[in-house]
Amino acid sequence: MNSSNEKKPLLYVLAGPTAVGKTELSLKLANKLNGEIISADSIQVYKYMDIGSAKITPEEMGDVPHHLIDCLEPTESFDVARFQDMAKSAMSDIYSRSNVPLIVGGTGFYLHALIYDNDFTDGASDPIYRNELEKTGASEPMKLYEELRIKDPEAAAAIPPGNVKRVIRALEYFHVTGEKISEHNMREREKESPYDLKFYVLTMPREILYDRINKRVDIMVEKGLFEETEKLMEMGVKPDMTSMQGLGYKQAYMYLSGEISRDECIERIKKETRHFAKRQLTWFKKEKEAVFIDKTRFGSDDDIIKYMVDFQPYQKGS
């Protein structure tokens, strides 16, 4: 992207587990940087999915431009390659205005693909084999996940069992190349970013984060998560679609379909969201350029902003 003699374009990333408080802080950081926010969230990209994704409202956005929010219909597919394309296009627009892109989200796989410009055109595909996996995944998703745990336990540990699409991709990659996709991803992690990268991960003590997650789920239910999911079902959104893999919606769909009770649904959302937050942190800890920020160690958001703007962690010899 840039020769060694060219100055790399500045890129800020604000990541962290769900419910840690990225949205509010991202607005303040964007205002400080003259920045524009690009959402790295696999569900907020969809229209009509506001409550379950904790989507920022137009009022909350204020004067800060936001990208990759409310772009797709809930029936459309969305994956890391499509995210990368859409995000890079948004970044080009932002750079053309001499503004700073600020990537905000908790989907580590998406963030890494964008930050290090991963190549998804490796040709490691077998449509016939993939079709067989998709048929199995539609009826026995855990059977595929257990197969992945045997063939590539590192990949299985990083992929939620319910993300059948990524499980299939990992199995297909192994089938075609004979190499674990986790090993491929490890090589990608060693790449140098083509950006002047300022990568920050917000954290807080686990007990505080888990309490915030539990309260957030209760608030989502009060605001109408089930009613929102019911409308999506009426629009023709099916449980195997990408949009329905989002935490909250997947469990709400099961409740509304009569598979589980309301109370069990709520508890499942809380439990699986806590597990997801743990996986998010595990992923970010492997990012070599990520700087972790424990929010509870700062007196205010302004103190955190100052720390992020002033900190220079990537200078050679530092």
C-alpha atoms as a PDB file:
ATOM      1  CA  MET A   1       0.000   0.000   0.000  1.00  0.00           C
ATOM      2  CA  ASN A   2       2.849   2.342   0.837  1.00  0.00           C
ATOM      3  CA  SER A   3       6.516   2.251   0.000  1.00  0.00           C
ATOM      4  CA  SER A   4       8.953   2.516   2.883  1.00  0.00           C
ATOM      5  CA  ASN A   5       9.589   6.155   1.970  1.00  0.00           C
ATOM      6  CA  GLU A   6       5.927   7.131   2.100  1.00  0.00           C
ATOM      7  CA  LYS A   7       4.116   8.218   5.209  1.00  0.00           C
ATOM      8  CA  LYS A   8       1.511   5.693   6.293  1.00  0.00           C
ATOM      9  CA  PRO A   9      -2.078   6.938   6.629  1.00  0.00           C
ATOM     10  CA  LEU A  10      -3.207   7.380  10.229  1.00  0.00           C
ATOM     11  CA  LEU A  11      -5.739   4.858  11.510  1.00  0.00           C
ATOM     12  CA  TYR A  12      -7.281   4.701  14.979  1.00  0.00           C
ATOM     13  CA  VAL A  13      -8.949   1.547  16.289  1.00  0.00           C
ATOM     14  CA  LEU A  14     -11.078   1.430  19.428  1.00  0.00           C
ATOM     15  CA  ALA A  15     -11.901  -2.147  20.320  1.00  0.00           C
ATOM     16  CA  GLY A  16     -13.012  -4.100  23.356  1.00  0.00           C
ATOM     17  CA  PRO A  17     -15.579  -6.582  24.613  1.00  0.00           C
ATOM     18  CA  THR A  18     -19.294  -5.990  24.356  1.00  0.00           C
ATOM     19  CA  ALA A  19     -20.790  -3.583  26.938  1.00  0.00           C
ATOM     20  CA  VAL A  20     -17.416  -2.085  27.904  1.00  0.00           C
ATOM     21  CA  GLY A  21     -18.477   1.390  26.749  1.00  0.00           C
ATOM     22  CA  LYS A  22     -16.902   1.831  23.312  1.00  0.00           C
ATOM     23  CA  THR A  23     -19.689   3.895  21.771  1.00  0.00           C
ATOM     24  CA  GLU A  24     -19.645   6.879  24.136  1.00  0.00           C
ATOM     25  CA  LEU A  25     -15.861   7.050  24.202  1.00  0.00           C
ATOM     26  CA  SER A  26     -15.619   6.729  20.413  1.00  0.00           C
ATOM     27  CA  LEU A  27     -17.723   9.871  19.947  1.00  0.00           C
ATOM     28  CA  LYS A  28     -15.435  11.887  22.193  1.00  0.00           C
ATOM     29  CA  LEU A  29     -12.327  10.517  20.488  1.00  0.00           C
ATOM     30  CA  ALA A  30     -13.727  11.240  17.024  1.00  0.00           C
ATOM     31  CA  ASN A  31     -14.448  14.833  18.002  1.00  0.00           C
ATOM     32  CA  LYS A  32     -10.901  15.190  19.331  1.00  0.00           C
ATOM     33  CA  LEU A  33      -9.350  13.747  16.162  1.00  0.00           C
ATOM     34  CA  ASN A  34     -11.629  15.342  13.579  1.00  0.00           C
ATOM     35  CA  GLY A  35     -12.483  11.723  12.874  1.00  0.00           C
ATOM     36  CA  GLU A  36     -15.233   9.681  11.286  1.00  0.00           C
ATOM     37  CA  ILE A  37     -16.387   6.390  12.786  1.00  0.00           C
ATOM     38  CA  ILE A  38     -16.524   3.088  10.914  1.00  0.00           C
ATOM     39  CA  SER A  39     -18.471   0.379  12.737  1.00  0.00           C
ATOM     40  CA  ALA A  40     -16.772  -3.017  12.910  1.00  0.00           C
ATOM     41  CA  ASP A  41     -19.919  -4.755  14.120  1.00  0.00           C
ATOM     42  CA  SER A  42     -21.388  -7.700  12.243  1.00  0.00           C
ATOM     43  CA  ILE A  43     -24.988  -6.859  13.214  1.00  0.00           C
ATOM     44  CA  GLN A  44     -25.155  -3.060  13.327  1.00  0.00           C
ATOM     45  CA  VAL A  45     -24.586  -3.101   9.573  1.00  0.00           C
ATOM     46  CA  TYR A  46     -28.173  -4.366   9.216  1.00  0.00           C
ATOM     47  CA  LYS A  47     -31.288  -2.196   9.050  1.00  0.00           C
ATOM     48  CA  TYR A  48     -34.125  -2.763  11.562  1.00  0.00           C
ATOM     49  CA  MET A  49     -31.781  -4.456  14.064  1.00  0.00           C
ATOM     50  CA  ASP A  50     -31.355  -1.691  16.607  1.00  0.00           C
ATOM     51  CA  ILE A  51     -32.174  -2.949  20.098  1.00  0.00           C
ATOM     52  CA  GLY A  52     -30.352  -6.274  20.070  1.00  0.00           C
ATOM     53  CA  SER A  53     -27.224  -4.745  18.546  1.00  0.00           C
ATOM     54  CA  ALA A  54     -27.160  -1.760  20.938  1.00  0.00           C
ATOM     55  CA  LYS A  55     -26.958   0.386  17.814  1.00  0.00           C
ATOM     56  CA  ILE A  56     -26.117   4.042  18.234  1.00  0.00           C
ATOM     57  CA  THR A  57     -29.027   6.357  17.456  1.00  0.00           C
ATOM     58  CA  PRO A  58     -28.867   9.275  14.997  1.00  0.00           C
ATOM     59  CA  GLU A  59     -29.307  11.625  17.966  1.00  0.00           C
ATOM     60  CA  GLU A  60     -26.342  10.082  19.771  1.00  0.00           C
ATOM     61  CA  MET A  61     -24.178  10.377  16.645  1.00  0.00           C
ATOM     62  CA  GLY A  62     -24.463  14.155  16.749  1.00  0.00           C
ATOM     63  CA  ASP A  63     -22.152  15.716  14.182  1.00  0.00           C
ATOM     64  CA  VAL A  64     -19.828  12.699  13.941  1.00  0.00           C
ATOM     65  CA  PRO A  65     -20.197  10.869  10.593  1.00  0.00           C
ATOM     66  CA  HIS A  66     -20.746   7.115  10.939  1.00  0.00           C
ATOM     67  CA  HIS A  67     -20.202   4.392   8.355  1.00  0.00           C
ATOM     68  CA  LEU A  68     -21.301   0.737   7.969  1.00  0.00           C
ATOM     69  CA  ILE A  69     -24.443   1.214  10.035  1.00  0.00           C
ATOM     70  CA  ASP A  70     -27.902   0.472   8.555  1.00  0.00           C
ATOM     71  CA  CYS A  71     -26.408  -0.516   5.193  1.00  0.00           C
ATOM     72  CA  LEU A  72     -27.861  -3.970   4.507  1.00  0.00           C
ATOM     73  CA  GLU A  73     -31.208  -5.731   4.589  1.00  0.00           C
ATOM     74  CA  PRO A  74     -31.437  -8.427   7.305  1.00  0.00           C
ATOM     75  CA  THR A  75     -31.828 -11.062   4.598  1.00  0.00           C
ATOM     76  CA  GLU A  76     -28.435 -10.219   3.049  1.00  0.00           C
ATOM     77  CA  SER A  77     -25.212 -12.072   3.759  1.00  0.00           C
ATOM     78  CA  PHE A  78     -22.309 -10.309   5.455  1.00  0.00           C
ATOM     79  CA  ASP A  79     -18.850 -11.701   6.081  1.00  0.00           C
ATOM     80  CA  VAL A  80     -15.318 -10.557   6.783  1.00  0.00           C
ATOM     81  CA  ALA A  81     -14.415 -10.081   3.111  1.00  0.00           C
ATOM     82  CA  ARG A  82     -17.465  -7.893   2.498  1.00  0.00           C
ATOM     83  CA  PHE A  83     -16.747  -5.924   5.658  1.00  0.00           C
ATOM     84  CA  GLN A  84     -13.177  -5.352   4.522  1.00  0.00           C
ATOM     85  CA  ASP A  85     -14.311  -4.059   1.127  1.00  0.00           C
ATOM     86  CA  MET A  86     -16.943  -1.741   2.587  1.00  0.00           C
ATOM     87  CA  ALA A  87     -14.646  -0.443   5.322  1.00  0.00           C
ATOM     88  CA  LYS A  88     -11.766   0.258   2.927  1.00  0.00           C
ATOM     89  CA  SER A  89     -14.130   2.164   0.663  1.00  0.00           C
ATOM     90  CA  ALA A  90     -15.312   4.253   3.616  1.00  0.00           C
ATOM     91  CA  MET A  91     -11.721   4.880   4.661  1.00  0.00           C
ATOM     92  CA  SER A  92     -10.848   6.169   1.193  1.00  0.00           C
ATOM     93  CA  ASP A  93     -13.709   8.661   1.432  1.00  0.00           C
ATOM     94  CA  ILE A  94     -12.611   9.754   4.893  1.00  0.00           C
ATOM     95  CA  TYR A  95      -8.991  10.230   3.825  1.00  0.00           C
ATOM     96  CA  SER A  96     -10.159  12.249   0.819  1.00  0.00           C
ATOM     97  CA  ARG A  97     -11.654  14.746   3.281  1.00  0.00           C
ATOM     98  CA  SER A  98      -8.389  14.810   5.265  1.00  0.00           C
ATOM     99  CA  ASN A  99     -10.210  13.315   8.239  1.00  0.00           C
ATOM    100  CA  VAL A 100      -9.115  10.393  10.437  1.00  0.00           C
ATOM    101  CA  PRO A 101     -10.869   6.992  10.254  1.00  0.00           C
ATOM    102  CA  LEU A 102     -11.772   5.547  13.649  1.00  0.00           C
ATOM    103  CA  ILE A 103     -12.694   1.867  13.531  1.00  0.00           C
ATOM    104  CA  VAL A 104     -14.935   0.919  16.456  1.00  0.00           C
ATOM    105  CA  GLY A 105     -16.127  -2.555  17.385  1.00  0.00           C
ATOM    106  CA  GLY A 106     -15.578  -5.845  19.116  1.00  0.00           C
ATOM    107  CA  THR A 107     -15.396  -8.247  16.173  1.00  0.00           C
ATOM    108  CA  GLY A 108     -11.697  -9.070  16.345  1.00  0.00           C
ATOM    109  CA  PHE A 109     -11.633 -11.136  13.163  1.00  0.00           C
ATOM    110  CA  TYR A 110     -13.051  -8.207  11.172  1.00  0.00           C
ATOM    111  CA  LEU A 111     -10.721  -5.681  12.767  1.00  0.00           C
ATOM    112  CA  HIS A 112      -7.637  -7.765  12.102  1.00  0.00           C
ATOM    113  CA  ALA A 113      -8.583  -8.317   8.454  1.00  0.00           C
ATOM    114  CA  LEU A 114      -8.883  -4.578   7.916  1.00  0.00           C
ATOM    115  CA  ILE A 115      -5.874  -3.452   9.962  1.00  0.00           C
ATOM    116  CA  TYR A 116      -3.477  -5.861   8.248  1.00  0.00           C
ATOM    117  CA  ASP A 117      -5.167  -5.874   4.836  1.00  0.00           C
ATOM    118  CA  ASN A 118      -5.626  -9.653   4.817  1.00  0.00           C
ATOM    119  CA  ASP A 119      -6.021 -11.333   1.442  1.00  0.00           C
ATOM    120  CA  PHE A 120      -9.198 -13.401   1.062  1.00  0.00           C
ATOM    121  CA  THR A 121      -8.511 -14.423  -2.514  1.00  0.00           C
ATOM    122  CA  ASP A 122      -6.270 -17.402  -1.678  1.00  0.00           C
ATOM    123  CA  GLY A 123      -8.369 -19.737  -3.832  1.00  0.00           C
ATOM    124  CA  ALA A 124      -8.640 -22.368  -1.097  1.00  0.00           C
ATOM    125  CA  SER A 125     -12.148 -23.457  -2.011  1.00  0.00           C
ATOM    126  CA  ASP A 126     -14.042 -26.613  -2.917  1.00  0.00           C
ATOM    127  CA  PRO A 127     -17.709 -25.776  -3.691  1.00  0.00           C
ATOM    128  CA  ILE A 128     -18.810 -29.425  -3.672  1.00  0.00           C
ATOM    129  CA  TYR A 129     -17.248 -30.134  -0.280  1.00  0.00           C
ATOM    130  CA  ARG A 130     -18.570 -26.830   1.080  1.00  0.00           C
ATOM    131  CA  ASN A 131     -22.081 -27.745  -0.063  1.00  0.00           C
ATOM    132  CA  GLU A 132     -21.826 -31.011   1.876  1.00  0.00           C
ATOM    133  CA  LEU A 133     -20.721 -29.114   4.986  1.00  0.00           C
ATOM    134  CA  GLU A 134     -23.564 -26.622   4.600  1.00  0.00           C
ATOM    135  CA  LYS A 135     -26.110 -29.439   4.470  1.00  0.00           C
ATOM    136  CA  THR A 136     -24.669 -30.936   7.652  1.00  0.00           C
ATOM    137  CA  GLY A 137     -24.484 -27.521   9.288  1.00  0.00           C
ATOM    138  CA  ALA A 138     -28.164 -26.862   8.638  1.00  0.00           C
ATOM    139  CA  SER A 139     -29.232 -29.912  10.660  1.00  0.00           C
ATOM    140  CA  GLU A 140     -26.259 -30.780  12.877  1.00  0.00           C
ATOM    141  CA  PRO A 141     -24.127 -27.665  13.449  1.00  0.00           C
ATOM    142  CA  MET A 142     -22.410 -29.109  16.537  1.00  0.00           C
ATOM    143  CA  LYS A 143     -21.255 -32.114  14.513  1.00  0.00           C
ATOM    144  CA  LEU A 144     -19.254 -29.729  12.314  1.00  0.00           C
ATOM    145  CA  TYR A 145     -17.909 -27.891  15.325  1.00  0.00           C
ATOM    146  CA  GLU A 146     -16.716 -31.128  16.940  1.00  0.00           C
ATOM    147  CA  GLU A 147     -15.010 -32.069  13.673  1.00  0.00           C
ATOM    148  CA  LEU A 148     -13.198 -28.727  13.691  1.00  0.00           C
ATOM    149  CA  ARG A 149     -12.149 -29.249  17.317  1.00  0.00           C
ATOM    150  CA  ILE A 150     -10.400 -32.448  16.215  1.00  0.00           C
ATOM    151  CA  LYS A 151      -8.791 -31.066  13.053  1.00  0.00           C
ATOM    152  CA  ASP A 152      -7.935 -27.560  14.257  1.00  0.00           C
ATOM    153  CA  PRO A 153      -8.520 -27.051  18.001  1.00  0.00           C
ATOM    154  CA  GLU A 154      -6.935 -23.572  17.920  1.00  0.00           C
ATOM    155  CA  ALA A 155      -9.425 -22.401  15.300  1.00  0.00           C
ATOM    156  CA  ALA A 156     -12.324 -24.002  17.175  1.00  0.00           C
ATOM    157  CA  ALA A 157     -11.345 -22.135  20.333  1.00  0.00           C
ATOM    158  CA  ALA A 158     -11.536 -18.831  18.471  1.00  0.00           C
ATOM    159  CA  ILE A 159     -14.842 -19.480  16.679  1.00  0.00           C
ATOM    160  CA  PRO A 160     -18.213 -19.463  18.484  1.00  0.00           C
ATOM    161  CA  PRO A 161     -19.959 -22.836  17.993  1.00  0.00           C
ATOM    162  CA  GLY A 162     -22.982 -21.064  16.535  1.00  0.00           C
ATOM    163  CA  ASN A 163     -20.975 -19.360  13.791  1.00  0.00           C
ATOM    164  CA  VAL A 164     -21.497 -22.187  11.299  1.00  0.00           C
ATOM    165  CA  LYS A 165     -20.209 -20.119   8.386  1.00  0.00           C
ATOM    166  CA  ARG A 166     -16.752 -19.663   9.940  1.00  0.00           C
ATOM    167  CA  VAL A 167     -16.648 -23.300  11.063  1.00  0.00           C
ATOM    168  CA  ILE A 168     -17.355 -24.378   7.483  1.00  0.00           C
ATOM    169  CA  ARG A 169     -14.700 -22.023   6.131  1.00  0.00           C
ATOM    170  CA  ALA A 170     -12.097 -23.445   8.528  1.00  0.00           C
ATOM    171  CA  LEU A 171     -12.954 -27.027   7.593  1.00  0.00           C
ATOM    172  CA  GLU A 172     -12.939 -26.197   3.884  1.00  0.00           C
ATOM    173  CA  TYR A 173      -9.527 -24.519   4.185  1.00  0.00           C
ATOM    174  CA  PHE A 174      -8.115 -27.574   5.942  1.00  0.00           C
ATOM    175  CA  HIS A 175      -9.675 -29.905   3.347  1.00  0.00           C
ATOM    176  CA  VAL A 176      -8.234 -28.002   0.366  1.00  0.00           C
ATOM    177  CA  THR A 177      -4.796 -27.025   1.693  1.00  0.00           C
ATOM    178  CA  GLY A 178      -4.038 -29.641   4.326  1.00  0.00           C
ATOM    179  CA  GLU A 179      -3.076 -26.742   6.611  1.00  0.00           C
ATOM    180  CA  LYS A 180      -4.902 -25.535   9.694  1.00  0.00           C
ATOM    181  CA  ILE A 181      -6.571 -22.187   9.152  1.00  0.00           C
ATOM    182  CA  SER A 182      -5.309 -21.197  12.600  1.00  0.00           C
ATOM    183  CA  GLU A 183      -1.759 -21.519  11.245  1.00  0.00           C
ATOM    184  CA  HIS A 184      -2.701 -19.384   8.249  1.00  0.00           C
ATOM    185  CA  ASN A 185      -4.211 -16.791  10.574  1.00  0.00           C
ATOM    186  CA  MET A 186      -1.068 -16.827  12.717  1.00  0.00           C
ATOM    187  CA  ARG A 187       1.015 -15.878   9.683  1.00  0.00           C
ATOM    188  CA  GLU A 188      -1.418 -13.081   8.931  1.00  0.00           C
ATOM    189  CA  ARG A 189      -0.927 -11.820  12.481  1.00  0.00           C
ATOM    190  CA  GLU A 190       2.782 -11.392  11.794  1.00  0.00           C
ATOM    191  CA  LYS A 191       2.170  -9.024   8.897  1.00  0.00           C
ATOM    192  CA  GLU A 192       2.983  -5.359   9.269  1.00  0.00           C
ATOM    193  CA  SER A 193       0.029  -3.009   9.057  1.00  0.00           C
ATOM    194  CA  PRO A 194       0.041  -0.629   6.071  1.00  0.00           C
ATOM    195  CA  TYR A 195      -1.311   2.052   8.418  1.00  0.00           C
ATOM    196  CA  ASP A 196       0.104   4.315  11.104  1.00  0.00           C
ATOM    197  CA  LEU A 197      -1.863   2.259  13.572  1.00  0.00           C
ATOM    198  CA  LYS A 198      -3.159   3.441  16.942  1.00  0.00           C
ATOM    199  CA  PHE A 199      -4.895   0.337  18.293  1.00  0.00           C
ATOM    200  CA  TYR A 200      -6.581   0.558  21.703  1.00  0.00           C
ATOM    201  CA  VAL A 201      -8.604  -2.065  23.569  1.00  0.00           C
ATOM    202  CA  LEU A 202     -10.899  -0.957  26.377  1.00  0.00           C
ATOM    203  CA  THR A 203     -11.175  -3.290  29.351  1.00  0.00           C
ATOM    204  CA  MET A 204     -12.418  -3.360  32.931  1.00  0.00           C
ATOM    205  CA  PRO A 205     -12.444  -5.942  35.745  1.00  0.00           C
ATOM    206  CA  ARG A 206     -14.413  -9.012  34.738  1.00  0.00           C
ATOM    207  CA  GLU A 207     -17.011  -8.776  37.518  1.00  0.00           C
ATOM    208  CA  ILE A 208     -17.860  -5.203  36.520  1.00  0.00           C
ATOM    209  CA  LEU A 209     -18.076  -6.096  32.827  1.00  0.00           C
ATOM    210  CA  TYR A 210     -20.300  -9.115  33.470  1.00  0.00           C
ATOM    211  CA  ASP A 211     -22.628  -7.016  35.614  1.00  0.00           C
ATOM    212  CA  ARG A 212     -22.866  -4.468  32.788  1.00  0.00           C
ATOM    213  CA  ILE A 213     -23.662  -7.257  30.326  1.00  0.00           C
ATOM    214  CA  ASN A 214     -26.444  -8.655  32.506  1.00  0.00           C
ATOM    215  CA  LYS A 215     -27.992  -5.212  32.962  1.00  0.00           C
ATOM    216  CA  ARG A 216     -27.701  -4.443  29.260  1.00  0.00           C
ATOM    217  CA  VAL A 217     -29.624  -7.611  28.378  1.00  0.00           C
ATOM    218  CA  ASP A 218     -32.402  -6.682  30.816  1.00  0.00           C
ATOM    219  CA  ILE A 219     -32.606  -3.220  29.243  1.00  0.00           C
ATOM    220  CA  MET A 220     -32.754  -4.706  25.733  1.00  0.00           C
ATOM    221  CA  VAL A 221     -35.677  -6.913  26.735  1.00  0.00           C
ATOM    222  CA  GLU A 222     -37.463  -3.936  28.313  1.00  0.00           C
ATOM    223  CA  LYS A 223     -36.913  -1.862  25.165  1.00  0.00           C
ATOM    224  CA  GLY A 224     -38.480  -4.534  22.955  1.00  0.00           C
ATOM    225  CA  LEU A 225     -35.902  -7.105  21.820  1.00  0.00           C
ATOM    226  CA  PHE A 226     -38.562  -9.780  21.383  1.00  0.00           C
ATOM    227  CA  GLU A 227     -40.890  -7.453  19.497  1.00  0.00           C
ATOM    228  CA  GLU A 228     -38.035  -6.389  17.231  1.00  0.00           C
ATOM    229  CA  THR A 229     -37.133 -10.017  16.522  1.00  0.00           C
ATOM    230  CA  GLU A 230     -40.765 -10.860  15.826  1.00  0.00           C
ATOM    231  CA  LYS A 231     -40.893  -8.121  13.182  1.00  0.00           C
ATOM    232  CA  LEU A 232     -37.756  -9.530  11.578  1.00  0.00           C
ATOM    233  CA  MET A 233     -39.394 -12.968  11.454  1.00  0.00           C
ATOM    234  CA  GLU A 234     -42.429 -11.420   9.781  1.00  0.00           C
ATOM    235  CA  MET A 235     -40.087  -9.864   7.201  1.00  0.00           C
ATOM    236  CA  GLY A 236     -38.898 -13.351   6.252  1.00  0.00           C
ATOM    237  CA  VAL A 237     -35.630 -13.440   8.174  1.00  0.00           C
ATOM    238  CA  LYS A 238     -34.714 -17.089   8.810  1.00  0.00           C
ATOM    239  CA  PRO A 239     -32.682 -18.512  11.730  1.00  0.00           C
ATOM    240  CA  ASP A 240     -29.841 -19.657   9.446  1.00  0.00           C
ATOM    241  CA  MET A 241     -29.268 -16.185   7.965  1.00  0.00           C
ATOM    242  CA  THR A 242     -26.165 -14.215   8.949  1.00  0.00           C
ATOM    243  CA  SER A 243     -28.160 -11.513  10.712  1.00  0.00           C
ATOM    244  CA  MET A 244     -29.811 -14.044  13.010  1.00  0.00           C
ATOM    245  CA  GLN A 245     -26.458 -15.288  14.302  1.00  0.00           C
ATOM    246  CA  GLY A 246     -26.169 -12.144  16.417  1.00  0.00           C
ATOM    247  CA  LEU A 247     -26.321 -12.612  20.183  1.00  0.00           C
ATOM    248  CA  GLY A 248     -29.786 -11.859  21.479  1.00  0.00           C
ATOM    249  CA  TYR A 249     -31.548 -12.329  18.164  1.00  0.00           C
ATOM    250  CA  LYS A 250     -30.611 -15.985  17.886  1.00  0.00           C
ATOM    251  CA  GLN A 251     -31.977 -16.781  21.340  1.00  0.00           C
ATOM    252  CA  ALA A 252     -35.029 -14.546  20.879  1.00  0.00           C
ATOM    253  CA  TYR A 253     -35.840 -16.420  17.666  1.00  0.00           C
ATOM    254  CA  MET A 254     -35.729 -19.696  19.602  1.00  0.00           C
ATOM    255  CA  TYR A 255     -38.084 -18.294  22.249  1.00  0.00           C
ATOM    256  CA  LEU A 256     -40.538 -16.923  19.712  1.00  0.00           C
ATOM    257  CA  SER A 257     -40.457 -20.248  17.863  1.00  0.00           C
ATOM    258  CA  GLY A 258     -41.429 -22.065  21.073  1.00  0.00           C
ATOM    259  CA  GLU A 259     -38.107 -23.860  21.521  1.00  0.00           C
ATOM    260  CA  ILE A 260     -37.267 -22.324  24.912  1.00  0.00           C
ATOM    261  CA  SER A 261     -39.069 -20.324  27.595  1.00  0.00           C
ATOM    262  CA  ARG A 262     -38.787 -16.566  28.007  1.00  0.00           C
ATOM    263  CA  ASP A 263     -36.751 -16.877  31.218  1.00  0.00           C
ATOM    264  CA  GLU A 264     -34.423 -19.444  29.670  1.00  0.00           C
ATOM    265  CA  CYS A 265     -33.994 -17.181  26.662  1.00  0.00           C
ATOM    266  CA  ILE A 266     -32.933 -14.221  28.784  1.00  0.00           C
ATOM    267  CA  GLU A 267     -30.496 -16.309  30.824  1.00  0.00           C
ATOM    268  CA  ARG A 268     -29.018 -17.799  27.662  1.00  0.00           C
ATOM    269  CA  ILE A 269     -28.444 -14.364  26.190  1.00  0.00           C
ATOM    270  CA  LYS A 270     -26.649 -13.240  29.350  1.00  0.00           C
ATOM    271  CA  LYS A 271     -24.541 -16.381  29.637  1.00  0.00           C
ATOM    272  CA  GLU A 272     -23.569 -16.545  25.964  1.00  0.00           C
ATOM    273  CA  THR A 273     -22.801 -12.827  25.872  1.00  0.00           C
ATOM    274  CA  ARG A 274     -20.466 -13.216  28.854  1.00  0.00           C
ATOM    275  CA  HIS A 275     -18.747 -16.106  27.087  1.00  0.00           C
ATOM    276  CA  PHE A 276     -18.486 -13.998  23.945  1.00  0.00           C
ATOM    277  CA  ALA A 277     -16.863 -11.154  25.880  1.00  0.00           C
ATOM    278  CA  LYS A 278     -14.284 -13.600  27.225  1.00  0.00           C
ATOM    279  CA  ARG A 279     -13.499 -14.809  23.698  1.00  0.00           C
ATOM    280  CA  GLN A 280     -13.190 -11.219  22.489  1.00  0.00           C
ATOM    281  CA  LEU A 281     -10.567 -10.437  25.114  1.00  0.00           C
ATOM    282  CA  THR A 282      -8.686 -13.657  24.311  1.00  0.00           C
ATOM    283  CA  TRP A 283      -8.532 -12.599  20.657  1.00  0.00           C
ATOM    284  CA  PHE A 284      -7.348  -9.072  21.388  1.00  0.00           C
ATOM    285  CA  LYS A 285      -4.606 -10.306  23.702  1.00  0.00           C
ATOM    286  CA  LYS A 286      -3.018 -11.949  20.647  1.00  0.00           C
ATOM    287  CA  GLU A 287      -2.888  -8.658  18.726  1.00  0.00           C
ATOM    288  CA  LYS A 288       0.740  -7.579  18.944  1.00  0.00           C
ATOM    289  CA  GLU A 289       0.064  -3.840  18.520  1.00  0.00           C
ATOM    290  CA  ALA A 290      -2.957  -3.540  20.780  1.00  0.00           C
ATOM    291  CA  VAL A 291      -2.640  -1.267  23.811  1.00  0.00           C
ATOM    292  CA  PHE A 292      -4.986  -2.249  26.639  1.00  0.00           C
ATOM    293  CA  ILE A 293      -6.744   0.438  28.648  1.00  0.00           C
ATOM    294  CA  ASP A 294      -8.515  -0.447  31.906  1.00  0.00           C
ATOM    295  CA  LYS A 295     -11.250   2.173  32.108  1.00  0.00           C
ATOM    296  CA  THR A 296     -11.468   1.923  35.879  1.00  0.00           C
ATOM    297  CA  ARG A 297      -7.893   3.203  36.238  1.00  0.00           C
ATOM    298  CA  PHE A 298      -8.775   6.589  34.760  1.00  0.00           C
ATOM    299  CA  GLY A 299     -10.652   9.405  36.429  1.00  0.00           C
ATOM    300  CA  SER A 300     -12.700  10.361  33.369  1.00  0.00           C
ATOM    301  CA  ASP A 301     -13.219   9.703  29.666  1.00  0.00           C
ATOM    302  CA  ASP A 302     -11.257  12.864  28.937  1.00  0.00           C
ATOM    303  CA  ASP A 303      -8.255  11.334  30.716  1.00  0.00           C
ATOM    304  CA  ILE A 304      -8.540   8.236  28.536  1.00  0.00           C
ATOM    305  CA  ILE A 305      -8.787  10.338  25.376  1.00  0.00           C
ATOM    306  CA  LYS A 306      -5.682  12.291  26.333  1.00  0.00           C
ATOM    307  CA  TYR A 307      -3.800   9.050  26.991  1.00  0.00           C
ATOM    308  CA  MET A 308      -4.759   7.615  23.592  1.00  0.00           C
ATOM    309  CA  VAL A 309      -3.923  10.748  21.647  1.00  0.00           C
ATOM    310  CA  ASP A 310      -0.598  11.373  23.406  1.00  0.00           C
ATOM    311  CA  PHE A 311       0.653   7.792  23.661  1.00  0.00           C
ATOM    312  CA  GLN A 312       3.286   6.742  21.086  1.00  0.00           C
ATOM    313  CA  PRO A 313       3.705   2.964  21.457  1.00  0.00           C
ATOM    314  CA  TYR A 314       4.879   2.076  17.978  1.00  0.00           C
ATOM    315  CA  GLN A 315       8.079   4.087  17.518  1.00  0.00           C
ATOM    316  CA  LYS A 316      11.094   1.941  16.761  1.00  0.00           C
ATOM    317  CA  GLY A 317      13.445   1.690  19.693  1.00  0.00           C
ATOM    318  CA  SER A 318      10.747   2.609  22.217  1.00  0.00           C
END
